[in-house]
Amino acid sequence: MYNWFECKVKYERLDEQGAPRKVNELYLVDALTFTEAETRICKEMEPYIHGGTEFQVANIRRANISEMFEDDTTDDVDHRWYRFRIITTIIDEEKGVEKKVASNVYVEASDIFEAVKNLQSKYQSSFDYTVSSITETAVMDVYRYVSDSQISAQIQNASKEE
């Protein structure tokens, strides 16, 4: 089970002309606590912060995300994250009534049409759902939790491929 945090960071980045420019960017971090989320976003942003550049974690808040679907076919430059508000109907067997449950699903895609197609391919005919809204988010990147044992396994697999 993932525990997502939205982390907003402020820092100076060099623009296309090489001039420093202040930016505010939003990232999703999988963490157990606010402290861990802040530590992880600082670690992930470290390669992008140069010398005396000002860097600040401006805001961290819990994100209500039920599922996330990454798009492996999208190149790193041209991807966006879309938030789908999904409504499903469940039956409360004790009370004998139908109940509508809303959830947020994030889907990565190059455009909104691809995002809808990706969502449909993931859910296929799993259950009946209704999409009540689709929003393009400001999320720049997603950082999932990776344990030390998973990192070791990835290194071993990479060395075997060579």
Protein backbone atom coordinates (compact mmCIF):
# COMPACT_ATOMS: atom_id res chain seq x y z
CA MET A 1 0.00 0.00 0.00
CA TYR A 2 1.39 3.34 -1.03
CA ASN A 3 1.22 6.44 1.14
CA TRP A 4 1.59 9.43 -1.18
CA PHE A 5 2.68 12.94 -0.30
CA GLU A 6 2.58 15.97 -2.59
CA CYS A 7 5.81 17.90 -2.14
CA LYS A 8 6.11 21.41 -3.53
CA VAL A 9 9.68 22.61 -3.92
CA LYS A 10 11.10 26.03 -4.79
CA TYR A 11 14.53 26.36 -6.31
CA GLU A 12 16.56 28.13 -8.98
CA ARG A 13 17.04 26.34 -12.27
CA LEU A 14 18.93 27.44 -15.36
CA ASP A 15 16.63 28.23 -18.27
CA GLU A 16 17.36 27.67 -21.98
CA GLN A 17 19.57 30.78 -22.16
CA GLY A 18 21.56 29.72 -19.09
CA ALA A 19 20.04 32.36 -16.81
CA PRO A 20 18.88 31.33 -13.32
CA ARG A 21 15.11 31.23 -12.90
CA LYS A 22 13.07 30.52 -9.76
CA VAL A 23 10.60 27.66 -10.17
CA ASN A 24 7.91 26.01 -8.04
CA GLU A 25 7.43 22.34 -8.88
CA LEU A 26 5.18 19.60 -7.52
CA TYR A 27 6.36 16.02 -6.94
CA LEU A 28 4.71 12.90 -5.54
CA VAL A 29 6.69 10.93 -2.97
CA ASP A 30 5.83 7.56 -1.47
CA ALA A 31 6.71 7.77 2.23
CA LEU A 32 5.44 6.75 5.65
CA THR A 33 5.72 10.14 7.37
CA PHE A 34 6.03 13.81 6.53
CA THR A 35 9.64 13.73 7.74
CA GLU A 36 10.49 10.83 5.43
CA ALA A 37 8.77 12.60 2.51
CA GLU A 38 10.85 15.73 3.11
CA THR A 39 14.07 13.73 3.41
CA ARG A 40 13.36 11.77 0.23
CA ILE A 41 12.40 14.81 -1.88
CA CYS A 42 15.58 16.60 -0.76
CA LYS A 43 17.63 13.53 -1.74
CA GLU A 44 15.87 13.19 -5.11
CA MET A 45 16.31 16.89 -5.93
CA GLU A 46 19.99 16.97 -4.94
CA PRO A 47 21.33 16.40 -8.50
CA TYR A 48 19.31 19.38 -9.80
CA ILE A 49 20.52 21.85 -7.19
CA HIS A 50 23.74 23.61 -8.14
CA GLY A 51 26.27 25.13 -5.75
CA GLY A 52 24.76 28.01 -3.80
CA THR A 53 21.33 27.65 -5.36
CA GLU A 54 18.49 28.32 -2.97
CA PHE A 55 16.32 25.24 -2.38
CA GLN A 56 13.23 25.04 -0.20
CA VAL A 57 10.54 22.45 0.44
CA ALA A 58 7.62 24.89 0.44
CA ASN A 59 4.78 22.51 1.25
CA ILE A 60 4.07 18.85 1.97
CA ARG A 61 0.59 17.38 2.17
CA ARG A 62 -0.96 13.94 2.03
CA ALA A 63 -2.36 13.01 -1.35
CA ASN A 64 -5.53 10.95 -1.57
CA ILE A 65 -4.55 8.53 -4.36
CA SER A 66 -6.09 5.08 -4.74
CA GLU A 67 -4.01 3.84 -7.68
CA MET A 68 -1.27 5.01 -10.03
CA PHE A 69 -0.61 3.73 -13.53
CA GLU A 70 2.72 4.60 -15.12
CA ASP A 71 3.12 4.60 -18.88
CA ASP A 72 6.28 2.74 -19.87
CA THR A 73 5.91 3.75 -23.53
CA THR A 74 6.09 7.49 -22.86
CA ASP A 75 9.52 9.09 -23.09
CA ASP A 76 10.68 11.05 -20.04
CA VAL A 77 10.42 14.41 -21.77
CA ASP A 78 6.82 14.23 -22.91
CA HIS A 79 4.81 12.82 -20.04
CA ARG A 80 2.11 14.24 -17.83
CA TRP A 81 0.09 12.92 -14.93
CA TYR A 82 -3.70 12.99 -15.14
CA ARG A 83 -6.01 12.64 -12.13
CA PHE A 84 -9.19 10.68 -12.77
CA ARG A 85 -12.04 10.95 -10.30
CA ILE A 86 -13.62 7.48 -10.46
CA ILE A 87 -17.07 6.67 -9.06
CA THR A 88 -17.89 3.04 -8.32
CA THR A 89 -21.12 1.65 -6.94
CA ILE A 90 -20.93 -0.92 -4.19
CA ILE A 91 -23.71 -2.71 -2.39
CA ASP A 92 -23.81 -2.58 1.39
CA GLU A 93 -25.10 -6.08 2.11
CA GLU A 94 -25.94 -5.33 5.74
CA LYS A 95 -28.19 -2.39 4.93
CA GLY A 96 -29.18 -3.57 1.45
CA VAL A 97 -28.43 -0.21 -0.21
CA GLU A 98 -26.20 0.91 -3.04
CA LYS A 99 -23.39 3.23 -2.11
CA LYS A 100 -21.27 5.38 -4.43
CA VAL A 101 -17.57 5.51 -3.61
CA ALA A 102 -15.23 8.08 -5.14
CA SER A 103 -11.51 7.50 -5.64
CA ASN A 104 -8.60 9.27 -7.32
CA VAL A 105 -6.53 7.42 -9.89
CA TYR A 106 -3.39 8.95 -11.41
CA VAL A 107 -2.47 7.93 -14.95
CA GLU A 108 0.69 8.88 -16.82
CA ALA A 109 0.36 9.63 -20.53
CA SER A 110 1.50 11.95 -23.29
CA ASP A 111 -1.99 13.48 -23.70
CA ILE A 112 -5.50 13.19 -22.31
CA PHE A 113 -6.67 10.73 -24.98
CA GLU A 114 -3.76 8.42 -24.22
CA ALA A 115 -4.56 8.72 -20.50
CA VAL A 116 -8.15 7.59 -21.07
CA LYS A 117 -6.92 4.69 -23.19
CA ASN A 118 -4.38 3.70 -20.51
CA LEU A 119 -7.04 3.77 -17.79
CA GLN A 120 -9.42 1.66 -19.87
CA SER A 121 -6.68 -0.90 -20.62
CA LYS A 122 -5.78 -1.20 -16.92
CA TYR A 123 -9.35 -1.61 -15.71
CA GLN A 124 -10.74 -3.38 -18.82
CA SER A 125 -13.79 -5.18 -17.47
CA SER A 126 -12.64 -5.50 -13.84
CA PHE A 127 -15.64 -3.62 -12.47
CA ASP A 128 -18.15 -0.96 -13.45
CA TYR A 129 -16.98 2.59 -12.92
CA THR A 130 -17.80 6.10 -14.04
CA VAL A 131 -15.25 8.83 -14.65
CA SER A 132 -16.62 12.01 -13.10
CA SER A 133 -13.62 14.21 -13.95
CA ILE A 134 -10.20 14.23 -15.58
CA THR A 135 -7.61 16.83 -14.62
CA GLU A 136 -4.10 17.36 -15.90
CA THR A 137 -1.94 17.72 -12.78
CA ALA A 138 1.14 19.84 -12.17
CA VAL A 139 3.09 16.78 -10.96
CA MET A 140 6.59 16.82 -12.43
CA ASP A 141 7.68 13.36 -11.29
CA VAL A 142 6.79 10.47 -9.01
CA TYR A 143 9.20 8.88 -6.54
CA ARG A 144 8.12 5.45 -5.37
CA TYR A 145 9.70 3.82 -2.33
CA VAL A 146 12.56 1.48 -3.23
CA SER A 147 14.04 -0.72 -0.49
CA ASP A 148 17.75 -1.47 -0.19
CA SER A 149 17.13 -5.11 -1.19
CA GLN A 150 15.32 -3.97 -4.36
CA ILE A 151 18.25 -1.69 -5.24
CA SER A 152 20.69 -4.58 -4.73
CA ALA A 153 18.58 -6.83 -6.96
CA GLN A 154 18.48 -4.16 -9.70
CA ILE A 155 22.28 -3.78 -9.54
CA GLN A 156 22.76 -7.55 -9.77
CA ASN A 157 20.37 -7.80 -12.75
CA ALA A 158 22.15 -4.95 -14.51
CA SER A 159 25.56 -6.59 -14.00
CA LYS A 160 24.23 -9.92 -15.36
CA GLU A 161 22.98 -8.20 -18.53
CA GLU A 162 26.45 -6.79 -19.22
